[in-house]
Structure formats: structure tokens, C-alpha cells
Amino acid sequence: MRRFLICILCALLALAFSGCASANAKIASRKGFVRFPEKHYASKEKAEIGTKLTGEASYYGPGFHGKKTASGEIFNQNDYTCAHKSLPFGTKLKVVRDDNGASVVVRVNDRGPYVDGRILDLSVVAGKDIGLDKVGHAKVTATVIE
């Protein structure tokens, strides 16, 4: 009898927690929902050309290669793409590493980074092009070019 009651209690707890998860999924799926409270771009809105962003950039790839990005496309660590918290998907950025002048052009196709102080997560190939594979992260200036 005791085992039966424990099983019932566990089932009720699992049901309660699954309700929380589905509620969060419903909220996140709402049109216009923004995970980050920064500038919100409507789906067809474009970022202003010439806008400059400065801060730390890092790169990501192997653990996410082949998985779906926030834009819905499949992440390829060998494409010149990046994650930004709020810029519209498809925005092209010229990213220049401040300490060595190395640069790369990337397209926003994902959301992130999720580390405080970082403004961009570059794909592996883009990160390697500006030498992030040697240092992990570095200060960059990114300019909207398209």
C-alpha cells in the first residue's frame, strides 16, 4: 500500500511540473514574445545599417552542429553565422576583433549568447577566422552592413 501511495504522489508531482513546462512553451510560442528585454524587432523589420555594437564575442559549434537554431534553420558550424540577443534574423554584420584587426562577415541566425558580457556567439569557422579558437573570446566591434 505504501509503494502505491508513493507512486501516486510521484505521478501527481510529474503532472504538476509538466504543466509548468507546457505553460512556458505556450508563452514562448506567442507571436511577439521576446526572451530578452532589449530592442524588439518585428519579424520584417531591418536593423539600421551602420549600427555599431561593441563587446566580447565568443564562438560555438560542435555541441550544436546539426541542431535547429532559433531562426528555424539547421546550425552548421562551417557557415559564417552568429547568434545575437535581439538583431533580426538575416542581419549581416562585419565583426572586427579589436586587438588584432582580423575581421569576418556573418549573418544572424540564432539567439544568444547566454553568458553575461558577451554580445555575439560566432560559428566555429567565423571564430577561427578572427583567432577566437586561440583565446576563446575577445573584444570586438560589429557593424550592421545589410
Protein backbone atom coordinates (compact mmCIF):
# COMPACT_ATOMS: atom_id res chain seq x y z
CA MET A 1 0.00 0.00 0.00
CA ARG A 2 2.84 2.38 0.88
CA ARG A 3 4.51 1.85 -2.53
CA PHE A 4 1.21 2.52 -4.25
CA LEU A 5 0.82 5.86 -2.42
CA ILE A 6 4.40 6.85 -3.28
CA CYS A 7 3.75 6.04 -6.96
CA ILE A 8 0.57 8.14 -6.93
CA LEU A 9 2.42 11.04 -5.29
CA CYS A 10 5.24 10.86 -7.87
CA ALA A 11 2.72 10.78 -10.71
CA LEU A 12 0.94 13.86 -9.32
CA LEU A 13 4.22 15.74 -8.96
CA ALA A 14 5.24 14.85 -12.52
CA LEU A 15 1.88 16.05 -13.78
CA ALA A 16 2.20 19.33 -11.88
CA PHE A 17 5.70 20.02 -13.23
CA SER A 18 4.75 19.13 -16.80
CA GLY A 19 2.01 21.75 -16.59
CA CYS A 20 4.62 24.40 -15.79
CA ALA A 21 6.76 23.39 -18.76
CA SER A 22 3.85 23.46 -21.18
CA ALA A 23 2.76 26.86 -19.86
CA ASN A 24 6.26 28.25 -20.51
CA ALA A 25 6.27 26.73 -24.00
CA LYS A 26 2.91 28.36 -24.72
CA ILE A 27 4.23 31.75 -23.59
CA ALA A 28 7.42 31.41 -25.65
CA SER A 29 5.45 30.44 -28.75
CA ARG A 30 3.30 33.58 -28.68
CA LYS A 31 3.80 35.94 -31.57
CA GLY A 32 5.94 38.85 -30.41
CA PHE A 33 7.40 37.05 -27.38
CA VAL A 34 10.94 38.28 -26.72
CA ARG A 35 13.25 36.36 -24.40
CA PHE A 36 15.45 39.39 -23.87
CA PRO A 37 14.00 42.81 -22.97
CA GLU A 38 16.25 44.77 -25.33
CA LYS A 39 15.09 46.40 -28.57
CA HIS A 40 12.46 44.23 -30.16
CA TYR A 41 12.45 43.96 -33.93
CA ALA A 42 9.26 42.98 -35.73
CA SER A 43 9.69 39.96 -37.98
CA LYS A 44 10.09 42.02 -41.18
CA GLU A 45 11.93 44.96 -39.61
CA LYS A 46 15.57 45.53 -40.57
CA ALA A 47 18.41 46.71 -38.37
CA GLU A 48 19.75 50.14 -39.27
CA ILE A 49 22.84 49.90 -41.49
CA GLY A 50 25.88 51.37 -39.76
CA THR A 51 24.73 50.45 -36.23
CA LYS A 52 27.81 49.54 -34.17
CA LEU A 53 27.97 47.06 -31.31
CA THR A 54 31.00 46.63 -29.07
CA GLY A 55 31.75 43.97 -26.52
CA GLU A 56 33.02 40.43 -26.08
CA ALA A 57 32.44 37.74 -28.69
CA SER A 58 32.96 34.02 -28.40
CA TYR A 59 32.27 31.10 -30.70
CA TYR A 60 30.15 27.97 -30.52
CA GLY A 61 29.69 24.94 -32.66
CA PRO A 62 30.46 21.28 -32.03
CA GLY A 63 27.70 20.65 -29.49
CA PHE A 64 25.12 22.49 -31.60
CA HIS A 65 26.14 21.39 -35.11
CA GLY A 66 23.14 19.91 -36.90
CA LYS A 67 20.58 21.23 -34.41
CA LYS A 68 17.84 23.74 -35.11
CA THR A 69 18.63 27.41 -34.42
CA ALA A 70 16.16 29.98 -33.09
CA SER A 71 15.51 31.08 -36.69
CA GLY A 72 14.46 27.54 -37.59
CA GLU A 73 17.40 26.72 -39.82
CA ILE A 74 19.85 23.94 -39.02
CA PHE A 75 23.08 25.17 -37.44
CA ASN A 76 26.22 24.47 -39.46
CA GLN A 77 29.42 25.36 -37.62
CA ASN A 78 31.11 25.80 -41.01
CA ASP A 79 28.78 28.59 -42.19
CA TYR A 80 29.51 32.23 -41.44
CA THR A 81 26.72 32.82 -38.94
CA CYS A 82 26.26 34.15 -35.43
CA ALA A 83 23.88 34.41 -32.51
CA HIS A 84 22.73 37.78 -31.18
CA LYS A 85 20.14 38.51 -28.50
CA SER A 86 17.84 40.77 -30.49
CA LEU A 87 19.00 41.68 -34.02
CA PRO A 88 16.63 40.45 -36.74
CA PHE A 89 17.49 37.12 -38.32
CA GLY A 90 19.29 37.64 -41.62
CA THR A 91 21.11 40.79 -40.46
CA LYS A 92 24.69 40.80 -41.79
CA LEU A 93 27.47 42.07 -39.55
CA LYS A 94 31.11 42.88 -40.17
CA VAL A 95 32.86 41.77 -36.98
CA VAL A 96 36.34 43.17 -36.28
CA ARG A 97 38.47 41.87 -33.43
CA ASP A 98 39.74 44.98 -31.66
CA ASP A 99 43.20 43.75 -30.62
CA ASN A 100 44.37 42.28 -33.95
CA GLY A 101 42.14 43.86 -36.61
CA ALA A 102 41.01 40.50 -38.03
CA SER A 103 37.51 40.66 -39.49
CA VAL A 104 34.74 38.44 -40.76
CA VAL A 105 31.23 38.93 -42.17
CA VAL A 106 28.47 36.87 -40.54
CA ARG A 107 24.68 36.54 -40.70
CA VAL A 108 22.46 36.43 -37.60
CA ASN A 109 20.53 33.15 -37.48
CA ASP A 110 20.32 32.32 -33.77
CA ARG A 111 19.72 33.83 -30.34
CA GLY A 112 22.35 34.19 -27.65
CA PRO A 113 24.94 34.40 -26.24
CA TYR A 114 23.82 33.34 -22.79
CA VAL A 115 27.00 34.44 -20.99
CA ASP A 116 26.96 37.85 -19.28
CA GLY A 117 29.03 40.48 -21.05
CA ARG A 118 29.04 38.74 -24.43
CA ILE A 119 27.36 40.37 -27.44
CA LEU A 120 27.91 37.67 -30.11
CA ASP A 121 28.45 33.96 -30.44
CA LEU A 122 30.15 33.26 -33.77
CA SER A 123 30.13 29.95 -35.62
CA VAL A 124 33.34 27.92 -35.41
CA VAL A 125 34.61 28.92 -38.86
CA ALA A 126 33.96 32.63 -38.18
CA GLY A 127 35.58 32.40 -34.74
CA LYS A 128 38.67 30.74 -36.19
CA ASP A 129 38.95 33.40 -38.89
CA ILE A 130 39.47 36.09 -36.25
CA GLY A 131 41.53 33.89 -33.91
CA LEU A 132 38.98 33.11 -31.20
CA ASP A 133 39.99 29.44 -31.31
CA LYS A 134 43.25 30.51 -29.63
CA VAL A 135 41.76 32.73 -26.89
CA GLY A 136 38.12 31.68 -26.50
CA HIS A 137 36.67 35.18 -26.52
CA ALA A 138 37.84 38.70 -27.34
CA LYS A 139 36.58 42.26 -27.60
CA VAL A 140 35.03 43.04 -30.99
CA THR A 141 33.24 45.79 -32.85
CA ALA A 142 30.36 44.59 -35.03
CA THR A 143 28.78 46.85 -37.64
CA VAL A 144 25.46 46.19 -39.37
CA ILE A 145 26.22 46.11 -43.11
CA GLU A 146 22.99 44.63 -44.50
